[in-house]
Amino acid sequence: MLPLGQLIANFNISYHFYANDIQIKACIGSLGSCVKSSVRNLGVILDSSLSLDAHVRQLTCSSFFHLRNIAKLRAVVSKTELKMVIHAFISSRLDYCNSLLTCLSKTSLNRLQTVQNAAARLLTKANRRSHITPILSGFHWLPVNFRVYFKILVLTFRALHGQAPPYLVDLIQTDSASRSLRSSGQKLLVIPRTCLKTRGDHAFWL
């Protein structure tokens, strides 16, 4: 019996493993009302499909709440101080665990980008119709999707040079070709193969 099966059996729950070992059918009876569709771990909300949509909704809602409060301070603090407040309450939230957002849908990424755009417009007093790219470039702020890629690249670089925790170093494997290729000297990494496009690609491999 699999370790997960032993754990489920301890609670007298009848279950069935499917062939792909991903889906589990459980008859939990009276415990059904206690099962949640999402869980929170280290501040990140994870749902059953690992789409992170619930996390994005909660992050967007809390960020706009703080932006409305920060807007009230614009008249009493300097621009430098306002920028520090935005970094503390907005940018830090967008960057927290953002390496998990690599498989995020375009719709969810756009929601997070609206948060960053609103913060930039609040800092510059720009209207909604003004083009946002020059504003972000003036602050040297990377868009949300590029911040995700940048975080993954930094983690990968540190893992390759022994500066990351062992559980990250073990995930990185260099591609060793069986024959001599032009790409042999590029130190390419092995991309893990996944069985399912949705849940497999959401397995958070670097």
N, C-alpha and C. Protein backbone atom coordinates (compact mmCIF):
# COMPACT_ATOMS: atom_id res chain seq x y z
N MET A 1 0.85 -1.19 0.00
CA MET A 1 0.00 0.00 0.00
C MET A 1 0.89 1.25 0.00
N LEU A 2 0.50 2.24 -0.76
CA LEU A 2 1.26 3.47 -0.83
C LEU A 2 1.20 4.22 0.50
N PRO A 3 2.23 5.04 0.82
CA PRO A 3 2.20 5.82 2.07
C PRO A 3 0.96 6.68 2.20
N LEU A 4 0.50 7.26 1.08
CA LEU A 4 -0.72 8.06 1.14
C LEU A 4 -1.92 7.19 1.47
N GLY A 5 -1.94 5.96 0.95
CA GLY A 5 -3.02 5.05 1.27
C GLY A 5 -3.04 4.68 2.73
N GLN A 6 -1.87 4.49 3.33
CA GLN A 6 -1.80 4.18 4.75
C GLN A 6 -2.34 5.34 5.58
N LEU A 7 -2.00 6.55 5.17
CA LEU A 7 -2.49 7.72 5.90
C LEU A 7 -4.00 7.82 5.83
N ILE A 8 -4.58 7.59 4.65
CA ILE A 8 -6.03 7.67 4.50
C ILE A 8 -6.72 6.56 5.28
N ALA A 9 -6.11 5.36 5.27
CA ALA A 9 -6.72 4.22 5.96
C ALA A 9 -6.78 4.43 7.47
N ASN A 10 -5.88 5.22 8.03
CA ASN A 10 -5.88 5.49 9.47
C ASN A 10 -7.15 6.21 9.92
N PHE A 11 -7.82 6.88 8.97
CA PHE A 11 -9.05 7.61 9.30
C PHE A 11 -10.29 6.85 8.87
N ASN A 12 -10.13 5.54 8.55
CA ASN A 12 -11.26 4.69 8.15
C ASN A 12 -12.03 5.27 6.96
N ILE A 13 -11.27 5.77 6.00
CA ILE A 13 -11.87 6.36 4.81
C ILE A 13 -11.66 5.40 3.65
N SER A 14 -12.75 5.12 2.93
CA SER A 14 -12.63 4.27 1.76
C SER A 14 -12.18 5.12 0.57
N TYR A 15 -11.22 4.64 -0.19
CA TYR A 15 -10.62 5.44 -1.25
C TYR A 15 -10.29 4.55 -2.44
N HIS A 16 -9.96 5.19 -3.56
CA HIS A 16 -9.56 4.46 -4.76
C HIS A 16 -8.55 5.30 -5.52
N PHE A 17 -7.38 4.74 -5.82
CA PHE A 17 -6.37 5.42 -6.62
C PHE A 17 -6.62 5.14 -8.09
N TYR A 18 -6.56 6.20 -8.89
CA TYR A 18 -6.65 6.02 -10.33
C TYR A 18 -5.29 5.64 -10.91
N ALA A 19 -5.26 5.27 -12.16
CA ALA A 19 -4.04 4.75 -12.76
C ALA A 19 -2.93 5.79 -12.82
N ASN A 20 -3.30 7.08 -12.96
CA ASN A 20 -2.26 8.10 -13.07
C ASN A 20 -1.74 8.58 -11.72
N ASP A 21 -2.25 8.01 -10.60
CA ASP A 21 -1.77 8.33 -9.25
C ASP A 21 -1.94 9.81 -8.90
N ILE A 22 -2.78 10.50 -9.62
CA ILE A 22 -2.99 11.91 -9.34
C ILE A 22 -4.37 12.13 -8.73
N GLN A 23 -5.38 11.49 -9.31
CA GLN A 23 -6.73 11.65 -8.82
C GLN A 23 -7.03 10.59 -7.76
N ILE A 24 -7.71 10.98 -6.71
CA ILE A 24 -8.10 10.07 -5.64
C ILE A 24 -9.60 10.23 -5.41
N LYS A 25 -10.31 9.11 -5.43
CA LYS A 25 -11.73 9.13 -5.13
C LYS A 25 -11.92 8.60 -3.71
N ALA A 26 -12.47 9.42 -2.84
CA ALA A 26 -12.64 9.03 -1.45
C ALA A 26 -14.08 9.20 -1.03
N CYS A 27 -14.59 8.22 -0.28
CA CYS A 27 -15.91 8.29 0.30
C CYS A 27 -15.73 8.65 1.78
N ILE A 28 -15.92 9.89 2.10
CA ILE A 28 -15.56 10.35 3.43
C ILE A 28 -16.77 10.60 4.31
N GLY A 29 -17.95 10.38 3.80
CA GLY A 29 -19.14 10.45 4.63
C GLY A 29 -19.31 11.78 5.35
N SER A 30 -19.37 11.71 6.68
CA SER A 30 -19.63 12.91 7.47
C SER A 30 -18.48 13.90 7.44
N LEU A 31 -17.30 13.47 6.98
CA LEU A 31 -16.17 14.39 6.91
C LEU A 31 -16.25 15.31 5.69
N GLY A 32 -17.23 15.08 4.83
CA GLY A 32 -17.31 15.87 3.62
C GLY A 32 -17.46 17.35 3.86
N SER A 33 -18.17 17.71 4.92
CA SER A 33 -18.36 19.13 5.20
C SER A 33 -17.09 19.81 5.67
N CYS A 34 -16.08 19.03 6.10
CA CYS A 34 -14.84 19.60 6.60
C CYS A 34 -13.78 19.76 5.52
N VAL A 35 -13.99 19.18 4.34
CA VAL A 35 -13.00 19.24 3.28
C VAL A 35 -13.09 20.58 2.56
N LYS A 36 -11.96 21.23 2.39
CA LYS A 36 -11.91 22.53 1.72
C LYS A 36 -11.33 22.37 0.33
N SER A 37 -11.76 23.26 -0.56
CA SER A 37 -11.27 23.21 -1.93
C SER A 37 -9.90 23.87 -2.08
N SER A 38 -9.44 24.58 -1.06
CA SER A 38 -8.14 25.24 -1.12
C SER A 38 -7.54 25.28 0.27
N VAL A 39 -6.22 25.38 0.32
CA VAL A 39 -5.50 25.47 1.58
C VAL A 39 -4.49 26.61 1.48
N ARG A 40 -4.11 27.12 2.64
CA ARG A 40 -3.11 28.19 2.70
C ARG A 40 -1.82 27.64 3.29
N ASN A 41 -0.73 27.83 2.60
CA ASN A 41 0.58 27.38 3.07
C ASN A 41 1.59 28.51 2.86
N LEU A 42 2.17 28.99 3.96
CA LEU A 42 3.14 30.09 3.93
C LEU A 42 2.56 31.31 3.23
N GLY A 43 1.28 31.55 3.43
CA GLY A 43 0.65 32.73 2.85
C GLY A 43 0.17 32.56 1.43
N VAL A 44 0.39 31.41 0.82
CA VAL A 44 -0.03 31.15 -0.56
C VAL A 44 -1.24 30.24 -0.54
N ILE A 45 -2.30 30.61 -1.25
CA ILE A 45 -3.51 29.82 -1.32
C ILE A 45 -3.40 28.85 -2.49
N LEU A 46 -3.45 27.55 -2.19
CA LEU A 46 -3.34 26.51 -3.20
C LEU A 46 -4.69 25.82 -3.36
N ASP A 47 -5.18 25.75 -4.60
CA ASP A 47 -6.44 25.06 -4.86
C ASP A 47 -6.15 23.67 -5.43
N SER A 48 -7.20 22.92 -5.68
CA SER A 48 -7.04 21.52 -6.10
C SER A 48 -6.40 21.39 -7.47
N SER A 49 -6.56 22.37 -8.34
CA SER A 49 -5.99 22.31 -9.69
C SER A 49 -4.68 23.07 -9.80
N LEU A 50 -4.21 23.66 -8.68
CA LEU A 50 -2.98 24.45 -8.66
C LEU A 50 -3.00 25.59 -9.66
N SER A 51 -4.17 26.14 -9.91
CA SER A 51 -4.27 27.29 -10.82
C SER A 51 -3.89 28.60 -10.15
N LEU A 52 -3.92 28.63 -8.81
CA LEU A 52 -3.57 29.81 -8.01
C LEU A 52 -4.52 30.99 -8.25
N ASP A 53 -5.69 30.72 -8.83
CA ASP A 53 -6.64 31.80 -9.08
C ASP A 53 -7.14 32.41 -7.77
N ALA A 54 -7.38 31.56 -6.77
CA ALA A 54 -7.83 32.08 -5.47
C ALA A 54 -6.76 32.94 -4.83
N HIS A 55 -5.52 32.54 -4.97
CA HIS A 55 -4.41 33.33 -4.42
C HIS A 55 -4.32 34.69 -5.11
N VAL A 56 -4.48 34.70 -6.42
CA VAL A 56 -4.41 35.95 -7.17
C VAL A 56 -5.56 36.88 -6.78
N ARG A 57 -6.75 36.33 -6.62
CA ARG A 57 -7.89 37.16 -6.22
C ARG A 57 -7.66 37.78 -4.84
N GLN A 58 -7.17 36.98 -3.90
CA GLN A 58 -6.92 37.50 -2.55
C GLN A 58 -5.80 38.53 -2.58
N LEU A 59 -4.74 38.28 -3.35
CA LEU A 59 -3.63 39.21 -3.44
C LEU A 59 -4.05 40.51 -4.08
N THR A 60 -4.84 40.45 -5.12
CA THR A 60 -5.31 41.66 -5.80
C THR A 60 -6.21 42.49 -4.88
N CYS A 61 -7.11 41.81 -4.18
CA CYS A 61 -8.02 42.52 -3.28
C CYS A 61 -7.27 43.21 -2.15
N SER A 62 -6.34 42.52 -1.52
CA SER A 62 -5.60 43.12 -0.42
C SER A 62 -4.68 44.24 -0.90
N SER A 63 -4.11 44.10 -2.09
CA SER A 63 -3.22 45.14 -2.62
C SER A 63 -3.98 46.42 -2.92
N PHE A 64 -5.16 46.32 -3.53
CA PHE A 64 -5.95 47.53 -3.80
C PHE A 64 -6.46 48.16 -2.51
N PHE A 65 -6.71 47.34 -1.49
CA PHE A 65 -7.08 47.89 -0.18
C PHE A 65 -5.96 48.77 0.37
N HIS A 66 -4.73 48.28 0.29
CA HIS A 66 -3.59 49.06 0.77
C HIS A 66 -3.33 50.27 -0.11
N LEU A 67 -3.55 50.14 -1.42
CA LEU A 67 -3.35 51.28 -2.30
C LEU A 67 -4.31 52.42 -1.98
N ARG A 68 -5.55 52.09 -1.65
CA ARG A 68 -6.51 53.13 -1.28
C ARG A 68 -6.07 53.85 0.00
N ASN A 69 -5.52 53.11 0.93
CA ASN A 69 -5.03 53.75 2.15
C ASN A 69 -3.76 54.57 1.90
N ILE A 70 -2.89 54.05 1.01
CA ILE A 70 -1.66 54.79 0.69
C ILE A 70 -1.99 56.09 -0.03
N ALA A 71 -3.03 56.08 -0.84
CA ALA A 71 -3.41 57.30 -1.56
C ALA A 71 -3.75 58.44 -0.61
N LYS A 72 -4.23 58.12 0.58
CA LYS A 72 -4.56 59.15 1.56
C LYS A 72 -3.31 59.81 2.14
N LEU A 73 -2.15 59.14 1.99
CA LEU A 73 -0.90 59.69 2.52
C LEU A 73 -0.17 60.55 1.51
N ARG A 74 -0.63 60.59 0.28
CA ARG A 74 0.11 61.28 -0.78
C ARG A 74 0.28 62.76 -0.49
N ALA A 75 -0.66 63.35 0.22
CA ALA A 75 -0.58 64.80 0.48
C ALA A 75 0.33 65.14 1.65
N VAL A 76 0.72 64.17 2.45
CA VAL A 76 1.48 64.48 3.67
C VAL A 76 2.88 63.89 3.66
N VAL A 77 3.23 63.09 2.66
CA VAL A 77 4.58 62.51 2.60
C VAL A 77 5.23 62.88 1.27
N SER A 78 6.54 62.81 1.23
CA SER A 78 7.27 63.12 0.01
C SER A 78 7.17 61.96 -0.98
N LYS A 79 7.61 62.20 -2.21
CA LYS A 79 7.54 61.16 -3.24
C LYS A 79 8.46 60.00 -2.89
N THR A 80 9.62 60.30 -2.32
CA THR A 80 10.54 59.23 -1.93
C THR A 80 9.94 58.35 -0.84
N GLU A 81 9.31 58.99 0.13
CA GLU A 81 8.68 58.23 1.21
C GLU A 81 7.49 57.44 0.70
N LEU A 82 6.73 58.03 -0.23
CA LEU A 82 5.60 57.32 -0.81
C LEU A 82 6.06 56.09 -1.58
N LYS A 83 7.18 56.21 -2.28
CA LYS A 83 7.73 55.08 -3.01
C LYS A 83 8.15 53.96 -2.06
N MET A 84 8.72 54.32 -0.92
CA MET A 84 9.10 53.32 0.07
C MET A 84 7.88 52.60 0.63
N VAL A 85 6.80 53.34 0.85
CA VAL A 85 5.57 52.73 1.36
C VAL A 85 4.99 51.76 0.33
N ILE A 86 5.03 52.14 -0.94
CA ILE A 86 4.51 51.27 -1.99
C ILE A 86 5.35 50.01 -2.10
N HIS A 87 6.66 50.14 -1.97
CA HIS A 87 7.52 48.95 -2.00
C HIS A 87 7.21 48.03 -0.82
N ALA A 88 6.95 48.61 0.34
CA ALA A 88 6.71 47.81 1.54
C ALA A 88 5.38 47.07 1.49
N PHE A 89 4.34 47.72 0.96
CA PHE A 89 3.00 47.13 1.02
C PHE A 89 2.54 46.51 -0.31
N ILE A 90 3.12 46.92 -1.44
CA ILE A 90 2.63 46.43 -2.74
C ILE A 90 3.68 45.56 -3.43
N SER A 91 4.85 46.13 -3.68
CA SER A 91 5.87 45.38 -4.43
C SER A 91 6.29 44.12 -3.69
N SER A 92 6.40 44.20 -2.38
CA SER A 92 6.80 43.02 -1.61
C SER A 92 5.75 41.92 -1.71
N ARG A 93 4.47 42.29 -1.81
CA ARG A 93 3.41 41.30 -1.96
C ARG A 93 3.45 40.65 -3.34
N LEU A 94 3.72 41.45 -4.37
CA LEU A 94 3.80 40.90 -5.72
C LEU A 94 5.00 39.98 -5.89
N ASP A 95 6.07 40.24 -5.14
CA ASP A 95 7.29 39.44 -5.29
C ASP A 95 7.32 38.23 -4.36
N TYR A 96 6.44 38.17 -3.38
CA TYR A 96 6.49 37.08 -2.41
C TYR A 96 6.05 35.77 -3.07
N CYS A 97 6.93 34.79 -3.05
CA CYS A 97 6.65 33.46 -3.63
C CYS A 97 6.19 33.55 -5.08
N ASN A 98 6.68 34.56 -5.81
CA ASN A 98 6.19 34.72 -7.18
C ASN A 98 6.78 33.70 -8.15
N SER A 99 7.77 32.92 -7.71
CA SER A 99 8.27 31.85 -8.57
C SER A 99 7.22 30.76 -8.80
N LEU A 100 6.20 30.71 -7.92
CA LEU A 100 5.10 29.76 -8.11
C LEU A 100 4.16 30.18 -9.23
N LEU A 101 4.29 31.42 -9.69
CA LEU A 101 3.35 31.95 -10.68
C LEU A 101 3.81 31.70 -12.11
N THR A 102 4.78 30.82 -12.30
CA THR A 102 5.33 30.61 -13.64
C THR A 102 4.30 30.02 -14.61
N CYS A 103 3.35 29.23 -14.10
CA CYS A 103 2.32 28.63 -14.96
C CYS A 103 0.98 29.35 -14.83
N LEU A 104 1.03 30.58 -14.36
CA LEU A 104 -0.21 31.33 -14.15
C LEU A 104 -0.86 31.67 -15.49
N SER A 105 -2.17 31.70 -15.50
CA SER A 105 -2.90 32.05 -16.73
C SER A 105 -2.70 33.52 -17.06
N LYS A 106 -2.93 33.86 -18.31
CA LYS A 106 -2.75 35.24 -18.75
C LYS A 106 -3.73 36.17 -18.04
N THR A 107 -4.94 35.68 -17.77
CA THR A 107 -5.93 36.50 -17.09
C THR A 107 -5.47 36.85 -15.68
N SER A 108 -4.94 35.87 -14.96
CA SER A 108 -4.47 36.13 -13.60
C SER A 108 -3.25 37.03 -13.60
N LEU A 109 -2.36 36.87 -14.57
CA LEU A 109 -1.21 37.76 -14.66
C LEU A 109 -1.64 39.19 -14.92
N ASN A 110 -2.66 39.37 -15.75
CA ASN A 110 -3.15 40.72 -16.03
C ASN A 110 -3.74 41.37 -14.78
N ARG A 111 -4.36 40.57 -13.92
CA ARG A 111 -4.89 41.10 -12.66
C ARG A 111 -3.77 41.63 -11.78
N LEU A 112 -2.69 40.89 -11.69
CA LEU A 112 -1.56 41.35 -10.89
C LEU A 112 -0.88 42.55 -11.53
N GLN A 113 -0.88 42.59 -12.85
CA GLN A 113 -0.26 43.73 -13.53
C GLN A 113 -1.05 45.01 -13.29
N THR A 114 -2.38 44.91 -13.16
CA THR A 114 -3.17 46.09 -12.87
C THR A 114 -2.83 46.66 -11.49
N VAL A 115 -2.44 45.81 -10.57
CA VAL A 115 -2.01 46.29 -9.25
C VAL A 115 -0.74 47.12 -9.37
N GLN A 116 0.23 46.59 -10.11
CA GLN A 116 1.48 47.33 -10.29
C GLN A 116 1.25 48.62 -11.06
N ASN A 117 0.39 48.58 -12.07
CA ASN A 117 0.09 49.79 -12.85
C ASN A 117 -0.57 50.85 -11.97
N ALA A 118 -1.49 50.42 -11.10
CA ALA A 118 -2.16 51.36 -10.21
C ALA A 118 -1.17 51.99 -9.23
N ALA A 119 -0.21 51.19 -8.75
CA ALA A 119 0.80 51.73 -7.84
C ALA A 119 1.69 52.75 -8.54
N ALA A 120 2.06 52.49 -9.78
CA ALA A 120 2.90 53.42 -10.54
C ALA A 120 2.15 54.72 -10.84
N ARG A 121 0.86 54.60 -11.19
CA ARG A 121 0.07 55.81 -11.45
C ARG A 121 -0.17 56.62 -10.18
N LEU A 122 -0.32 55.92 -9.06
CA LEU A 122 -0.47 56.63 -7.79
C LEU A 122 0.78 57.42 -7.46
N LEU A 123 1.94 56.86 -7.76
CA LEU A 123 3.20 57.52 -7.43
C LEU A 123 3.48 58.70 -8.34
N THR A 124 3.03 58.62 -9.59
CA THR A 124 3.31 59.69 -10.55
C THR A 124 2.12 60.62 -10.79
N LYS A 125 0.97 60.32 -10.18
CA LYS A 125 -0.26 61.09 -10.38
C LYS A 125 -0.70 61.07 -11.84
N ALA A 126 -0.41 59.98 -12.52
CA ALA A 126 -0.80 59.84 -13.92
C ALA A 126 -2.23 59.34 -14.01
N ASN A 127 -2.92 59.72 -15.08
CA ASN A 127 -4.29 59.27 -15.26
C ASN A 127 -4.33 57.87 -15.87
N ARG A 128 -5.51 57.29 -15.93
CA ARG A 128 -5.65 55.91 -16.40
C ARG A 128 -5.33 55.75 -17.88
N ARG A 129 -5.46 56.82 -18.66
CA ARG A 129 -5.24 56.72 -20.10
C ARG A 129 -3.77 56.86 -20.48
N SER A 130 -2.93 57.28 -19.57
CA SER A 130 -1.51 57.45 -19.89
C SER A 130 -0.85 56.08 -20.07
N HIS A 131 0.11 56.03 -20.98
CA HIS A 131 0.80 54.77 -21.28
C HIS A 131 1.65 54.37 -20.09
N ILE A 132 1.53 53.13 -19.67
CA ILE A 132 2.16 52.70 -18.43
C ILE A 132 3.61 52.25 -18.63
N THR A 133 3.99 51.80 -19.83
CA THR A 133 5.34 51.27 -20.03
C THR A 133 6.43 52.29 -19.72
N PRO A 134 6.34 53.55 -20.21
CA PRO A 134 7.39 54.52 -19.85
C PRO A 134 7.44 54.81 -18.35
N ILE A 135 6.30 54.74 -17.67
CA ILE A 135 6.29 55.00 -16.23
C ILE A 135 7.03 53.89 -15.49
N LEU A 136 6.74 52.63 -15.84
CA LEU A 136 7.42 51.51 -15.21
C LEU A 136 8.91 51.53 -15.52
N SER A 137 9.24 51.88 -16.75
CA SER A 137 10.65 51.95 -17.14
C SER A 137 11.38 53.05 -16.39
N GLY A 138 10.69 54.17 -16.14
CA GLY A 138 11.32 55.26 -15.40
C GLY A 138 11.64 54.89 -13.97
N PHE A 139 10.85 54.01 -13.38
CA PHE A 139 11.11 53.53 -12.02
C PHE A 139 12.01 52.29 -11.99
N HIS A 140 12.37 51.78 -13.18
CA HIS A 140 13.13 50.53 -13.29
C HIS A 140 12.36 49.37 -12.66
N TRP A 141 11.04 49.37 -12.89
CA TRP A 141 10.19 48.29 -12.40
C TRP A 141 9.94 47.32 -13.54
N LEU A 142 10.28 46.06 -13.33
CA LEU A 142 9.94 45.04 -14.30
C LEU A 142 8.45 44.71 -14.21
N PRO A 143 7.79 44.47 -15.34
CA PRO A 143 6.40 43.99 -15.29
C PRO A 143 6.31 42.68 -14.51
N VAL A 144 5.10 42.35 -14.09
CA VAL A 144 4.90 41.21 -13.20
C VAL A 144 5.42 39.91 -13.80
N ASN A 145 5.12 39.65 -15.07
CA ASN A 145 5.56 38.39 -15.67
C ASN A 145 7.08 38.30 -15.75
N PHE A 146 7.76 39.41 -16.02
CA PHE A 146 9.22 39.40 -16.07
C PHE A 146 9.82 39.29 -14.67
N ARG A 147 9.11 39.79 -13.67
CA ARG A 147 9.59 39.61 -12.29
C ARG A 147 9.57 38.13 -11.90
N VAL A 148 8.56 37.41 -12.40
CA VAL A 148 8.49 35.96 -12.15
C VAL A 148 9.67 35.25 -12.81
N TYR A 149 9.93 35.57 -14.09
CA TYR A 149 11.05 34.95 -14.79
C TYR A 149 12.37 35.30 -14.12
N PHE A 150 12.51 36.54 -13.69
CA PHE A 150 13.75 36.98 -13.05
C PHE A 150 13.99 36.20 -11.76
N LYS A 151 12.94 35.98 -10.97
CA LYS A 151 13.09 35.22 -9.73
C LYS A 151 13.53 33.78 -10.02
N ILE A 152 12.94 33.17 -11.04
CA ILE A 152 13.30 31.79 -11.38
C ILE A 152 14.74 31.72 -11.88
N LEU A 153 15.16 32.71 -12.67
CA LEU A 153 16.53 32.72 -13.17
C LEU A 153 17.53 32.91 -12.04
N VAL A 154 17.20 33.74 -11.07
CA VAL A 154 18.09 33.95 -9.93
C VAL A 154 18.22 32.66 -9.12
N LEU A 155 17.08 32.00 -8.86
CA LEU A 155 17.11 30.74 -8.11
C LEU A 155 17.90 29.67 -8.87
N THR A 156 17.73 29.62 -10.19
CA THR A 156 18.45 28.64 -10.99
C THR A 156 19.95 28.93 -10.98
N PHE A 157 20.33 30.19 -11.12
CA PHE A 157 21.74 30.57 -11.10
C PHE A 157 22.39 30.19 -9.77
N ARG A 158 21.69 30.46 -8.68
CA ARG A 158 22.24 30.12 -7.37
C ARG A 158 22.33 28.62 -7.16
N ALA A 159 21.34 27.89 -7.70
CA ALA A 159 21.39 26.43 -7.57
C ALA A 159 22.55 25.85 -8.36
N LEU A 160 22.83 26.40 -9.53
CA LEU A 160 23.93 25.90 -10.34
C LEU A 160 25.29 26.19 -9.72
N HIS A 161 25.37 27.24 -8.90
CA HIS A 161 26.63 27.64 -8.30
C HIS A 161 26.70 27.29 -6.82
N GLY A 162 25.81 26.41 -6.37
CA GLY A 162 25.87 25.94 -5.00
C GLY A 162 25.50 26.96 -3.95
N GLN A 163 24.72 27.97 -4.33
CA GLN A 163 24.32 29.02 -3.39
C GLN A 163 22.87 28.90 -2.96
N ALA A 164 22.22 27.82 -3.33
CA ALA A 164 20.81 27.61 -3.02
C ALA A 164 20.68 26.43 -2.06
N PRO A 165 19.53 26.31 -1.39
CA PRO A 165 19.31 25.15 -0.50
C PRO A 165 19.41 23.84 -1.27
N PRO A 166 19.76 22.75 -0.57
CA PRO A 166 19.92 21.45 -1.25
C PRO A 166 18.67 20.98 -1.98
N TYR A 167 17.46 21.28 -1.45
CA TYR A 167 16.25 20.79 -2.11
C TYR A 167 16.04 21.46 -3.46
N LEU A 168 16.65 22.64 -3.68
CA LEU A 168 16.59 23.27 -4.99
C LEU A 168 17.72 22.77 -5.89
N VAL A 169 18.89 22.57 -5.29
CA VAL A 169 20.03 22.07 -6.07
C VAL A 169 19.72 20.70 -6.66
N ASP A 170 19.01 19.86 -5.91
CA ASP A 170 18.69 18.51 -6.38
C ASP A 170 17.73 18.52 -7.57
N LEU A 171 16.97 19.61 -7.74
CA LEU A 171 16.02 19.69 -8.85
C LEU A 171 16.69 20.06 -10.16
N ILE A 172 17.89 20.63 -10.10
CA ILE A 172 18.57 21.09 -11.30
C ILE A 172 19.46 19.99 -11.84
N GLN A 173 19.26 19.63 -13.10
CA GLN A 173 20.07 18.62 -13.76
C GLN A 173 20.54 19.16 -15.10
N THR A 174 21.84 19.12 -15.34
CA THR A 174 22.39 19.56 -16.61
C THR A 174 22.19 18.49 -17.67
N ASP A 175 21.97 18.93 -18.88
CA ASP A 175 21.71 18.01 -19.99
C ASP A 175 23.03 17.46 -20.50
N SER A 176 23.21 16.17 -20.36
CA SER A 176 24.43 15.51 -20.85
C SER A 176 24.06 14.65 -22.06
N ALA A 177 24.39 15.13 -23.24
CA ALA A 177 24.04 14.42 -24.48
C ALA A 177 24.94 13.22 -24.66
N SER A 178 24.38 12.17 -25.25
CA SER A 178 25.15 10.95 -25.48
C SER A 178 26.12 11.09 -26.64
N ARG A 179 25.93 12.10 -27.47
CA ARG A 179 26.85 12.35 -28.58
C ARG A 179 27.20 13.81 -28.61
N SER A 180 28.24 14.13 -29.34
CA SER A 180 28.73 15.50 -29.40
C SER A 180 27.79 16.36 -30.25
N LEU A 181 27.29 17.43 -29.63
CA LEU A 181 26.39 18.36 -30.31
C LEU A 181 26.93 19.78 -30.17
N ARG A 182 26.43 20.67 -31.04
CA ARG A 182 26.86 22.06 -30.93
C ARG A 182 26.39 22.71 -29.64
N SER A 183 25.29 22.18 -29.07
CA SER A 183 24.75 22.74 -27.83
C SER A 183 25.40 22.15 -26.58
N SER A 184 26.39 21.27 -26.75
CA SER A 184 26.98 20.60 -25.59
C SER A 184 27.67 21.60 -24.66
N GLY A 185 28.25 22.65 -25.20
CA GLY A 185 28.97 23.62 -24.38
C GLY A 185 28.10 24.71 -23.79
N GLN A 186 26.79 24.66 -24.03
CA GLN A 186 25.90 25.71 -23.53
C GLN A 186 25.36 25.42 -22.14
N LYS A 187 25.67 24.27 -21.56
CA LYS A 187 25.23 23.91 -20.21
C LYS A 187 23.71 24.01 -20.08
N LEU A 188 23.01 23.38 -21.02
CA LEU A 188 21.56 23.39 -20.98
C LEU A 188 21.06 22.51 -19.84
N LEU A 189 19.85 22.80 -19.37
CA LEU A 189 19.26 22.06 -18.27
C LEU A 189 18.20 21.09 -18.80
N VAL A 190 18.01 20.02 -18.05
CA VAL A 190 17.00 19.02 -18.41
C VAL A 190 15.63 19.55 -18.02
N ILE A 191 14.69 19.52 -18.97
CA ILE A 191 13.31 19.93 -18.71
C ILE A 191 12.50 18.69 -18.38
N PRO A 192 11.98 18.56 -17.16
CA PRO A 192 11.22 17.35 -16.79
C PRO A 192 9.98 17.19 -17.65
N ARG A 193 9.69 15.96 -18.03
CA ARG A 193 8.50 15.67 -18.82
C ARG A 193 7.32 15.45 -17.89
N THR A 194 6.17 15.97 -18.27
CA THR A 194 4.96 15.83 -17.48
C THR A 194 3.91 15.09 -18.30
N CYS A 195 3.09 14.32 -17.60
CA CYS A 195 2.05 13.54 -18.28
C CYS A 195 0.85 14.40 -18.65
N LEU A 196 0.50 15.34 -17.77
CA LEU A 196 -0.68 16.17 -17.99
C LEU A 196 -0.26 17.62 -18.17
N LYS A 197 -0.89 18.28 -19.12
CA LYS A 197 -0.53 19.66 -19.43
C LYS A 197 -0.87 20.59 -18.28
N THR A 198 -1.99 20.36 -17.60
CA THR A 198 -2.43 21.28 -16.55
C THR A 198 -1.74 20.97 -15.23
N ARG A 199 -2.02 19.82 -14.64
CA ARG A 199 -1.48 19.51 -13.33
C ARG A 199 0.00 19.14 -13.39
N GLY A 200 0.42 18.55 -14.48
CA GLY A 200 1.83 18.21 -14.59
C GLY A 200 2.71 19.44 -14.67
N ASP A 201 2.31 20.43 -15.49
CA ASP A 201 3.09 21.64 -15.62
C ASP A 201 3.01 22.52 -14.40
N HIS A 202 2.05 22.26 -13.51
CA HIS A 202 1.94 23.04 -12.28
C HIS A 202 2.67 22.38 -11.12
N ALA A 203 3.60 21.49 -11.41
CA ALA A 203 4.31 20.76 -10.36
C ALA A 203 5.47 21.56 -9.78
N PHE A 204 5.66 22.81 -10.29
CA PHE A 204 6.63 23.74 -9.72
C PHE A 204 8.07 23.26 -9.88
N TRP A 205 8.38 22.60 -10.99
CA TRP A 205 9.76 22.28 -11.29
C TRP A 205 10.43 23.53 -11.86
N LEU A 206 11.70 23.73 -11.52
CA LEU A 206 12.45 24.86 -12.07
C LEU A 206 12.85 24.54 -13.49
